[in-house]
Amino acid sequence: MDRLTAMTVFVEVAERGSLTAAAEVLDMSRAMVSRYLAEVEGWLGARLLHRTTRRVSLTGAGEAALARFRQMLAIGEELQGELASDDPEPHGTLRITASVSFGQSHLARAVAAFVQRHPAARIELLLVDRMVNLVEERVDLAVRIARQIDPSLIARRLAICRSVLCATPAYLQARGTPTAPEHLAVHNCLTHHYVGKSLWQLHREGRSLSVAVGGNISANEASLLLEAVRANAGIAMLPTYQVAPLLRSGELIELLPEYSLDELGIHAVYASRRQQPVIMRRFLDFLAECFASPAFQDLDWRPSGKENT
């Protein structure tokens, strides 16, 4: 049997604690996974796993083997990347994660353009409303919108994420239009679980103001808040990459435009600079190119006359 594949199978089983889970990830039968494990134990002459009906765990020899196998597989991936560096055409699979709202509004278009330009490339998109552990879930690249990125990860800043306060004309006609930050206290403010859930930060002329807000809808995804706003439910703080077309069309109205809100960075995040395949490098450069182009102008959208903050 192929010993490199056998090592890969063992690492997957060890990390996932299950032959079935490893078989699903590797797209092979459970019986084949068992054969590869037996091959590894046979050539090392040691028992590597304790097996029960539900889980497997490492023996002492298995822990030592896991550490060495990870190193050997990493060296192999690094060598493959170096040898492929002169290949002008990126190929292989890149697994990417992002929030649902950003994935739908911008990332999907960028991915479609990338694979059209590079037909040998394959992209797997994972759009979720939670922070993904890149190593545990075997994700190559995350697009994250945040002030700060975990220092243990590598981050490349791609663009700025601006936000605005907005509501529909129908809601404002029924409830009135706030003309000062303190007026938000009497409005139904729809909030995000992770960004300004009860406190919105507004900035004007170098001064910052914290405004306590509340309402009857809170969500963990901006897309849900947007649909609630469009249904005349209240006021929300939403990213301009998502609402710029609706502001231009008049479906939504920006509120308190003389104030700016906190800006966040849009980052491409990955676990290590080592073993970076050609497809990863090309995609990072491609994203930066895309997000700076006129086709993605909503990433840099701001109301007419509003200065950079």
Protein backbone atom coordinates (compact mmCIF):
# COMPACT_ATOMS: atom_id res chain seq x y z
CA MET A 1 0.00 0.00 0.00
CA ASP A 2 0.96 3.64 -0.46
CA ARG A 3 2.65 4.59 2.81
CA LEU A 4 2.02 8.31 2.31
CA THR A 5 -1.70 7.63 2.02
CA ALA A 6 -1.51 5.29 5.02
CA MET A 7 0.06 8.07 7.10
CA THR A 8 -2.64 10.49 5.94
CA VAL A 9 -5.35 8.02 6.96
CA PHE A 10 -3.80 7.51 10.39
CA VAL A 11 -3.58 11.28 11.02
CA GLU A 12 -7.23 11.76 10.00
CA VAL A 13 -8.39 8.96 12.29
CA ALA A 14 -6.29 10.28 15.18
CA GLU A 15 -7.55 13.85 14.77
CA ARG A 16 -11.21 12.91 14.33
CA GLY A 17 -11.33 10.02 16.79
CA SER A 18 -13.40 7.92 14.44
CA LEU A 19 -12.78 5.62 11.49
CA THR A 20 -16.16 6.53 10.02
CA ALA A 21 -15.51 10.29 10.21
CA ALA A 22 -12.08 9.86 8.64
CA ALA A 23 -13.55 7.70 5.87
CA GLU A 24 -16.09 10.42 5.03
CA VAL A 25 -13.42 13.13 4.83
CA LEU A 26 -11.08 10.96 2.76
CA ASP A 27 -13.89 9.70 0.51
CA MET A 28 -13.04 6.05 1.06
CA SER A 29 -14.78 3.08 2.67
CA ARG A 30 -14.43 2.32 6.36
CA ALA A 31 -12.95 -1.05 5.42
CA MET A 32 -10.23 0.66 3.39
CA VAL A 33 -9.44 2.95 6.32
CA SER A 34 -9.04 -0.14 8.53
CA ARG A 35 -6.69 -1.73 5.99
CA TYR A 36 -4.49 1.37 5.92
CA LEU A 37 -4.36 1.46 9.73
CA ALA A 38 -3.36 -2.19 9.83
CA GLU A 39 -0.66 -1.43 7.25
CA VAL A 40 0.76 1.36 9.41
CA GLU A 41 0.78 -0.75 12.58
CA GLY A 42 2.31 -3.65 10.67
CA TRP A 43 5.20 -1.69 9.25
CA LEU A 44 5.91 0.08 12.57
CA GLY A 45 5.48 -3.11 14.57
CA ALA A 46 3.42 -1.38 17.26
CA ARG A 47 -0.18 -0.89 18.25
CA LEU A 48 -1.10 2.75 17.61
CA LEU A 49 -4.78 2.92 18.55
CA HIS A 50 -7.13 1.81 21.31
CA ARG A 51 -10.47 1.00 19.65
CA THR A 52 -13.95 0.89 21.18
CA THR A 53 -17.34 0.63 19.51
CA ARG A 54 -17.69 4.43 19.49
CA ARG A 55 -14.24 6.01 19.44
CA VAL A 56 -10.57 5.40 18.95
CA SER A 57 -7.76 6.86 21.04
CA LEU A 58 -3.99 6.91 20.73
CA THR A 59 -1.59 4.61 22.50
CA GLY A 60 1.77 5.96 23.60
CA ALA A 61 3.29 4.72 20.34
CA GLY A 62 0.39 6.27 18.47
CA GLU A 63 1.08 9.70 19.97
CA ALA A 64 4.72 9.50 18.91
CA ALA A 65 3.74 8.33 15.42
CA LEU A 66 1.16 11.11 15.05
CA ALA A 67 3.74 13.82 15.75
CA ARG A 68 6.23 12.35 13.26
CA PHE A 69 3.62 11.72 10.58
CA ARG A 70 2.37 15.29 10.81
CA GLN A 71 5.92 16.52 10.26
CA MET A 72 6.48 14.18 7.34
CA LEU A 73 3.20 15.13 5.65
CA ALA A 74 3.95 18.83 6.15
CA ILE A 75 7.35 18.42 4.52
CA GLY A 76 5.72 16.62 1.61
CA GLU A 77 3.14 19.40 1.16
CA GLU A 78 5.85 22.05 1.34
CA LEU A 79 7.95 20.27 -1.27
CA GLN A 80 4.95 19.85 -3.53
CA GLY A 81 4.22 23.57 -3.24
CA GLU A 82 7.82 24.49 -4.08
CA LEU A 83 7.93 22.17 -7.08
CA ALA A 84 4.62 23.53 -8.32
CA SER A 85 5.67 27.16 -7.86
CA ASP A 86 6.83 27.41 -11.48
CA ASP A 87 3.51 26.07 -12.71
CA PRO A 88 1.64 29.10 -14.08
CA GLU A 89 -1.74 27.44 -13.64
CA PRO A 90 -3.01 26.94 -10.06
CA HIS A 91 -4.73 23.64 -9.44
CA GLY A 92 -6.10 21.61 -6.59
CA THR A 93 -8.74 22.37 -3.97
CA LEU A 94 -8.98 25.37 -1.65
CA ARG A 95 -11.40 25.22 1.29
CA ILE A 96 -12.62 28.67 2.32
CA THR A 97 -14.95 29.95 5.04
CA ALA A 98 -16.71 33.29 5.52
CA SER A 99 -19.87 34.74 7.03
CA VAL A 100 -23.13 34.10 5.22
CA SER A 101 -23.72 37.79 4.42
CA PHE A 102 -20.25 38.45 3.01
CA GLY A 103 -20.13 35.13 1.21
CA GLN A 104 -23.39 35.81 -0.57
CA SER A 105 -22.80 39.46 -1.36
CA HIS A 106 -19.14 39.44 -2.45
CA LEU A 107 -17.12 36.27 -1.97
CA ALA A 108 -19.25 34.07 -4.23
CA ARG A 109 -18.71 36.46 -7.16
CA ALA A 110 -14.97 36.55 -6.56
CA VAL A 111 -14.78 32.76 -6.37
CA ALA A 112 -16.78 32.40 -9.58
CA ALA A 113 -14.41 34.79 -11.38
CA PHE A 114 -11.36 32.95 -10.03
CA VAL A 115 -12.40 29.49 -11.22
CA GLN A 116 -13.39 30.93 -14.60
CA ARG A 117 -9.87 32.30 -14.93
CA HIS A 118 -8.29 29.10 -13.55
CA PRO A 119 -10.38 26.07 -14.61
CA ALA A 120 -8.05 23.58 -12.87
CA ALA A 121 -8.82 25.16 -9.49
CA ARG A 122 -11.58 23.93 -7.22
CA ILE A 123 -13.07 25.98 -4.37
CA GLU A 124 -15.11 24.61 -1.46
CA LEU A 125 -17.07 27.34 0.35
CA LEU A 126 -18.21 27.01 3.96
CA LEU A 127 -20.52 29.90 4.93
CA VAL A 128 -21.28 29.89 8.65
CA ASP A 129 -22.25 32.28 11.42
CA ARG A 130 -19.50 31.19 13.81
CA MET A 131 -15.73 31.34 14.16
CA VAL A 132 -14.26 28.30 12.44
CA ASN A 133 -11.16 26.59 13.83
CA LEU A 134 -9.04 26.43 10.70
CA VAL A 135 -6.87 23.53 11.83
CA GLU A 136 -9.56 21.30 13.33
CA GLU A 137 -11.96 21.79 10.42
CA ARG A 138 -9.19 21.63 7.80
CA VAL A 139 -10.01 25.02 6.32
CA ASP A 140 -7.29 26.64 4.21
CA LEU A 141 -8.50 30.23 4.28
CA ALA A 142 -11.03 32.33 6.20
CA VAL A 143 -12.35 35.75 5.23
CA ARG A 144 -13.01 37.47 8.54
CA ILE A 145 -14.37 40.90 9.37
CA ALA A 146 -12.94 42.13 12.66
CA ARG A 147 -10.95 44.80 14.45
CA GLN A 148 -8.28 42.34 15.53
CA ILE A 149 -7.23 38.92 14.36
CA ASP A 150 -5.92 36.11 16.56
CA PRO A 151 -2.14 36.72 16.65
CA SER A 152 -1.49 33.01 16.18
CA LEU A 153 -2.92 33.30 12.65
CA ILE A 154 -1.58 35.04 9.55
CA ALA A 155 -3.80 37.82 8.23
CA ARG A 156 -3.76 39.85 5.03
CA ARG A 157 -5.98 42.93 5.02
CA LEU A 158 -8.07 43.06 1.87
CA ALA A 159 -10.49 45.94 2.39
CA ILE A 160 -12.37 48.05 4.94
CA CYS A 161 -15.84 47.22 6.22
CA ARG A 162 -17.94 50.31 6.90
CA SER A 163 -21.40 50.28 8.47
CA VAL A 164 -24.42 52.58 8.49
CA LEU A 165 -27.62 52.94 10.45
CA CYS A 166 -30.60 52.41 8.18
CA ALA A 167 -34.33 51.77 8.03
CA THR A 168 -37.12 51.72 5.45
CA PRO A 169 -39.12 54.81 4.52
CA ALA A 170 -42.26 53.03 5.81
CA TYR A 171 -40.76 52.48 9.26
CA LEU A 172 -39.57 56.07 9.49
CA GLN A 173 -42.96 57.39 8.38
CA ALA A 174 -44.63 55.38 11.12
CA ARG A 175 -42.12 56.00 13.92
CA GLY A 176 -40.34 59.21 12.94
CA THR A 177 -36.78 59.83 11.76
CA PRO A 178 -34.09 60.16 14.47
CA THR A 179 -32.09 63.35 14.00
CA ALA A 180 -29.78 62.93 17.01
CA PRO A 181 -28.15 59.85 18.59
CA GLU A 182 -30.27 60.10 21.74
CA HIS A 183 -33.41 59.67 19.63
CA LEU A 184 -32.43 56.04 19.01
CA ALA A 185 -33.54 55.22 22.56
CA VAL A 186 -37.21 55.43 21.52
CA HIS A 187 -36.77 53.34 18.36
CA ASN A 188 -36.79 49.61 17.76
CA CYS A 189 -33.10 48.95 17.13
CA LEU A 190 -32.35 45.53 15.68
CA THR A 191 -29.01 44.27 16.92
CA HIS A 192 -26.29 41.77 16.09
CA HIS A 193 -25.25 39.20 18.69
CA TYR A 194 -21.54 39.89 18.24
CA VAL A 195 -21.27 43.49 17.01
CA GLY A 196 -22.83 46.26 19.11
CA LYS A 197 -25.54 44.12 20.67
CA SER A 198 -26.56 46.77 23.22
CA LEU A 199 -24.20 49.67 22.52
CA TRP A 200 -23.53 51.50 19.25
CA GLN A 201 -20.43 53.68 18.89
CA LEU A 202 -20.93 56.85 16.84
CA HIS A 203 -18.13 59.24 15.83
CA ARG A 204 -18.21 62.89 14.75
CA GLU A 205 -15.49 65.51 14.46
CA GLY A 206 -13.03 63.48 16.48
CA ARG A 207 -15.44 62.74 19.30
CA SER A 208 -17.02 59.37 20.09
CA LEU A 209 -20.42 58.72 21.59
CA SER A 210 -21.73 55.46 23.04
CA VAL A 211 -25.46 54.99 22.55
CA ALA A 212 -27.43 52.32 24.41
CA VAL A 213 -29.87 50.60 22.06
CA GLY A 214 -32.44 47.85 22.27
CA GLY A 215 -35.20 46.24 20.33
CA ASN A 216 -37.29 43.12 19.90
CA ILE A 217 -35.09 41.37 17.32
CA SER A 218 -31.47 40.25 17.67
CA ALA A 219 -29.64 37.90 15.31
CA ASN A 220 -26.24 36.32 14.78
CA GLU A 221 -26.12 37.09 11.03
CA ALA A 222 -26.37 40.43 9.24
CA SER A 223 -28.48 38.90 6.46
CA LEU A 224 -31.26 38.15 8.95
CA LEU A 225 -31.18 41.69 10.30
CA LEU A 226 -31.33 43.10 6.77
CA GLU A 227 -34.46 41.12 5.95
CA ALA A 228 -36.07 42.29 9.20
CA VAL A 229 -35.24 45.90 8.34
CA ARG A 230 -36.68 45.48 4.84
CA ALA A 231 -39.85 44.18 6.49
CA ASN A 232 -40.17 47.55 8.32
CA ALA A 233 -39.26 46.08 11.71
CA GLY A 234 -36.83 48.79 12.84
CA ILE A 235 -33.38 50.35 12.57
CA ALA A 236 -30.19 48.30 12.23
CA MET A 237 -26.47 48.87 11.91
CA LEU A 238 -25.52 47.06 8.70
CA PRO A 239 -22.38 46.80 6.55
CA THR A 240 -22.31 48.97 3.45
CA TYR A 241 -21.13 46.04 1.34
CA GLN A 242 -24.58 44.61 1.96
CA VAL A 243 -26.88 47.65 1.88
CA ALA A 244 -25.22 50.09 -0.55
CA PRO A 245 -27.47 49.08 -3.51
CA LEU A 246 -30.58 49.47 -1.32
CA LEU A 247 -29.44 52.90 -0.13
CA ARG A 248 -28.82 54.03 -3.71
CA SER A 249 -32.24 52.80 -4.83
CA GLY A 250 -34.03 54.44 -1.91
CA GLU A 251 -35.39 51.17 -0.51
CA LEU A 252 -33.42 51.97 2.67
CA ILE A 253 -32.58 55.34 4.19
CA GLU A 254 -29.31 56.08 5.96
CA LEU A 255 -29.80 57.65 9.38
CA LEU A 256 -27.60 60.16 11.17
CA PRO A 257 -25.30 60.46 8.13
CA GLU A 258 -23.19 63.12 9.83
CA TYR A 259 -21.93 60.42 12.19
CA SER A 260 -19.63 57.54 11.28
CA LEU A 261 -19.54 54.10 12.86
CA ASP A 262 -16.64 51.86 13.78
CA GLU A 263 -14.74 50.50 10.80
CA LEU A 264 -13.57 46.90 10.68
CA GLY A 265 -10.97 45.21 8.54
CA ILE A 266 -11.81 42.54 5.99
CA HIS A 267 -8.98 40.03 6.30
CA ALA A 268 -7.88 36.86 4.58
CA VAL A 269 -6.74 34.62 7.44
CA TYR A 270 -4.76 31.39 7.32
CA ALA A 271 -2.84 29.22 9.74
CA SER A 272 0.71 29.36 8.39
CA ARG A 273 2.92 30.82 5.67
CA ARG A 274 4.54 27.42 5.31
CA GLN A 275 3.23 24.81 2.89
CA GLN A 276 1.30 27.49 1.03
CA PRO A 277 0.29 26.01 -2.34
CA VAL A 278 0.18 27.97 -5.56
CA ILE A 279 -3.62 28.07 -5.52
CA MET A 280 -3.60 29.78 -2.12
CA ARG A 281 -1.11 32.46 -3.17
CA ARG A 282 -2.94 33.12 -6.42
CA PHE A 283 -6.31 33.33 -4.70
CA LEU A 284 -5.05 35.77 -2.07
CA ASP A 285 -3.67 38.05 -4.78
CA PHE A 286 -6.86 37.65 -6.79
CA LEU A 287 -9.07 38.63 -3.84
CA ALA A 288 -7.02 41.76 -3.20
CA GLU A 289 -7.27 42.63 -6.89
CA CYS A 290 -11.03 41.99 -6.98
CA PHE A 291 -11.90 43.93 -3.86
CA ALA A 292 -10.00 46.98 -5.10
CA SER A 293 -11.80 46.97 -8.46
CA PRO A 294 -14.86 49.06 -9.46
CA ALA A 295 -16.92 45.85 -9.68
CA PHE A 296 -16.70 45.64 -5.87
CA GLN A 297 -17.21 49.34 -5.20
CA ASP A 298 -19.71 48.68 -2.40
CA LEU A 299 -16.79 47.60 -0.21
CA ASP A 300 -15.61 51.21 -0.24
CA TRP A 301 -19.05 52.82 -0.37
CA ARG A 302 -19.77 55.94 1.64
CA PRO A 303 -22.47 58.62 1.34
CA SER A 304 -21.64 61.55 -0.87
CA GLY A 305 -19.53 64.08 0.96
CA LYS A 306 -18.64 61.85 3.91
CA GLU A 307 -14.92 61.86 4.58
CA ASN A 308 -12.76 58.93 5.57
CA THR A 309 -12.67 58.36 9.31
